[in-house]
Amino acid sequence: MTCDRGTVLLSHKYVVKTTHMEENIMPDIKELLPFIIPLIIVQFILLAVTLRHIFTHNTYKRGNRTVWVIVVIIGMEFIGPILYFLLGKEDS
């Protein structure tokens, strides 16, 4: 329960004062959405393209299909698909 800006009432006996700096540690999520949403979209597109390539090809430079599917899914944050295209995709 908040009494006024920067004061949090924990019970009727204890009042904790928060500083302005503590309130601004986490930025408002709405401000970050224009940056996060395009990254998420690109990430899923890259994941889909990578998985499609893995399942439509039988030969790889290193490893096999199972290894690359695991690497791509576990390392989904851009790293797994990029590793596949750099190290696993066989040159045409």
C-alpha atoms as a PDB file:
ATOM      1  CA  MET A   1       0.000   0.000   0.000  1.00  0.00           C
ATOM      2  CA  THR A   2       1.383   3.404  -0.933  1.00  0.00           C
ATOM      3  CA  CYS A   3       0.677   6.464   1.221  1.00  0.00           C
ATOM      4  CA  ASP A   4       2.364   9.101  -0.940  1.00  0.00           C
ATOM      5  CA  ARG A   5       5.087   9.136  -3.577  1.00  0.00           C
ATOM      6  CA  GLY A   6       8.097   7.286  -2.196  1.00  0.00           C
ATOM      7  CA  THR A   7       6.459   6.051   1.014  1.00  0.00           C
ATOM      8  CA  VAL A   8       5.278   2.456   1.317  1.00  0.00           C
ATOM      9  CA  LEU A   9       3.129   1.446   4.267  1.00  0.00           C
ATOM     10  CA  LEU A  10       4.087  -2.090   5.318  1.00  0.00           C
ATOM     11  CA  SER A  11       1.789  -2.171   8.332  1.00  0.00           C
ATOM     12  CA  HIS A  12       0.330   0.405  10.684  1.00  0.00           C
ATOM     13  CA  LYS A  13       3.683   0.584  12.554  1.00  0.00           C
ATOM     14  CA  TYR A  14       6.332   0.383   9.817  1.00  0.00           C
ATOM     15  CA  VAL A  15       6.804   2.911   7.043  1.00  0.00           C
ATOM     16  CA  VAL A  16       9.591   2.521   4.521  1.00  0.00           C
ATOM     17  CA  LYS A  17      10.836   5.459   2.495  1.00  0.00           C
ATOM     18  CA  THR A  18      11.985   4.707  -1.058  1.00  0.00           C
ATOM     19  CA  THR A  19      14.268   6.973  -2.973  1.00  0.00           C
ATOM     20  CA  HIS A  20      13.627   8.325  -6.423  1.00  0.00           C
ATOM     21  CA  MET A  21      16.566   6.261  -7.713  1.00  0.00           C
ATOM     22  CA  GLU A  22      15.019   2.959  -6.551  1.00  0.00           C
ATOM     23  CA  GLU A  23      11.820   3.714  -8.438  1.00  0.00           C
ATOM     24  CA  ASN A  24      13.676   4.248 -11.722  1.00  0.00           C
ATOM     25  CA  ILE A  25      15.831   1.102 -11.694  1.00  0.00           C
ATOM     26  CA  MET A  26      13.485  -0.824 -13.989  1.00  0.00           C
ATOM     27  CA  PRO A  27      12.405   1.176 -17.040  1.00  0.00           C
ATOM     28  CA  ASP A  28       8.805   1.122 -18.067  1.00  0.00           C
ATOM     29  CA  ILE A  29       8.177  -1.914 -20.261  1.00  0.00           C
ATOM     30  CA  LYS A  30       6.110   0.151 -22.687  1.00  0.00           C
ATOM     31  CA  GLU A  31       9.208   2.166 -23.540  1.00  0.00           C
ATOM     32  CA  LEU A  32      11.131  -0.998 -24.448  1.00  0.00           C
ATOM     33  CA  LEU A  33       8.426  -2.660 -26.573  1.00  0.00           C
ATOM     34  CA  PRO A  34       9.365  -0.877 -29.844  1.00  0.00           C
ATOM     35  CA  PHE A  35      12.838  -2.418 -29.523  1.00  0.00           C
ATOM     36  CA  ILE A  36      11.886  -5.833 -28.137  1.00  0.00           C
ATOM     37  CA  ILE A  37       9.061  -6.762 -30.525  1.00  0.00           C
ATOM     38  CA  PRO A  38      11.132  -6.498 -33.764  1.00  0.00           C
ATOM     39  CA  LEU A  39      13.947  -8.509 -32.148  1.00  0.00           C
ATOM     40  CA  ILE A  40      11.510 -11.242 -31.153  1.00  0.00           C
ATOM     41  CA  ILE A  41      10.048 -11.342 -34.667  1.00  0.00           C
ATOM     42  CA  VAL A  42      13.503 -11.574 -36.269  1.00  0.00           C
ATOM     43  CA  GLN A  43      14.507 -14.258 -33.773  1.00  0.00           C
ATOM     44  CA  PHE A  44      11.537 -16.476 -34.634  1.00  0.00           C
ATOM     45  CA  ILE A  45      11.993 -15.946 -38.383  1.00  0.00           C
ATOM     46  CA  LEU A  46      15.661 -16.942 -38.085  1.00  0.00           C
ATOM     47  CA  LEU A  47      14.675 -19.978 -35.992  1.00  0.00           C
ATOM     48  CA  ALA A  48      12.072 -21.063 -38.566  1.00  0.00           C
ATOM     49  CA  VAL A  49      14.464 -20.659 -41.519  1.00  0.00           C
ATOM     50  CA  THR A  50      17.182 -22.564 -39.683  1.00  0.00           C
ATOM     51  CA  LEU A  51      14.926 -25.465 -38.679  1.00  0.00           C
ATOM     52  CA  ARG A  52      13.518 -25.655 -42.218  1.00  0.00           C
ATOM     53  CA  HIS A  53      17.046 -25.854 -43.609  1.00  0.00           C
ATOM     54  CA  ILE A  54      18.054 -28.542 -41.091  1.00  0.00           C
ATOM     55  CA  PHE A  55      15.032 -30.719 -41.890  1.00  0.00           C
ATOM     56  CA  THR A  56      15.344 -30.357 -45.674  1.00  0.00           C
ATOM     57  CA  HIS A  57      19.057 -31.229 -45.920  1.00  0.00           C
ATOM     58  CA  ASN A  58      20.767 -34.502 -45.096  1.00  0.00           C
ATOM     59  CA  THR A  59      24.431 -33.522 -45.008  1.00  0.00           C
ATOM     60  CA  TYR A  60      26.220 -31.155 -42.632  1.00  0.00           C
ATOM     61  CA  LYS A  61      29.826 -29.969 -42.245  1.00  0.00           C
ATOM     62  CA  ARG A  62      29.924 -30.990 -38.586  1.00  0.00           C
ATOM     63  CA  GLY A  63      27.543 -33.066 -36.508  1.00  0.00           C
ATOM     64  CA  ASN A  64      24.232 -34.529 -37.536  1.00  0.00           C
ATOM     65  CA  ARG A  65      20.591 -33.440 -37.692  1.00  0.00           C
ATOM     66  CA  THR A  66      19.846 -34.241 -34.037  1.00  0.00           C
ATOM     67  CA  VAL A  67      22.823 -32.275 -32.745  1.00  0.00           C
ATOM     68  CA  TRP A  68      21.920 -29.206 -34.805  1.00  0.00           C
ATOM     69  CA  VAL A  69      18.246 -29.272 -33.819  1.00  0.00           C
ATOM     70  CA  ILE A  70      19.285 -29.355 -30.147  1.00  0.00           C
ATOM     71  CA  VAL A  71      21.856 -26.559 -30.621  1.00  0.00           C
ATOM     72  CA  VAL A  72      19.373 -24.376 -32.496  1.00  0.00           C
ATOM     73  CA  ILE A  73      16.511 -24.854 -30.029  1.00  0.00           C
ATOM     74  CA  ILE A  74      18.593 -24.513 -26.859  1.00  0.00           C
ATOM     75  CA  GLY A  75      20.576 -21.585 -28.267  1.00  0.00           C
ATOM     76  CA  MET A  76      17.460 -19.963 -29.696  1.00  0.00           C
ATOM     77  CA  GLU A  77      18.521 -16.376 -28.911  1.00  0.00           C
ATOM     78  CA  PHE A  78      20.193 -15.826 -32.289  1.00  0.00           C
ATOM     79  CA  ILE A  79      23.268 -17.832 -31.251  1.00  0.00           C
ATOM     80  CA  GLY A  80      22.039 -21.319 -32.162  1.00  0.00           C
ATOM     81  CA  PRO A  81      20.829 -20.477 -35.682  1.00  0.00           C
ATOM     82  CA  ILE A  82      23.921 -18.383 -36.394  1.00  0.00           C
ATOM     83  CA  LEU A  83      26.188 -21.219 -35.214  1.00  0.00           C
ATOM     84  CA  TYR A  84      24.373 -23.593 -37.548  1.00  0.00           C
ATOM     85  CA  PHE A  85      24.771 -21.347 -40.585  1.00  0.00           C
ATOM     86  CA  LEU A  86      28.452 -20.717 -39.788  1.00  0.00           C
ATOM     87  CA  LEU A  87      29.535 -24.208 -38.698  1.00  0.00           C
ATOM     88  CA  GLY A  88      26.922 -26.773 -39.722  1.00  0.00           C
ATOM     89  CA  LYS A  89      25.501 -25.782 -43.086  1.00  0.00           C
ATOM     90  CA  GLU A  90      27.287 -27.573 -45.884  1.00  0.00           C
ATOM     91  CA  ASP A  91      28.389 -25.367 -48.765  1.00  0.00           C
ATOM     92  CA  SER A  92      26.391 -25.897 -51.941  1.00  0.00           C
END
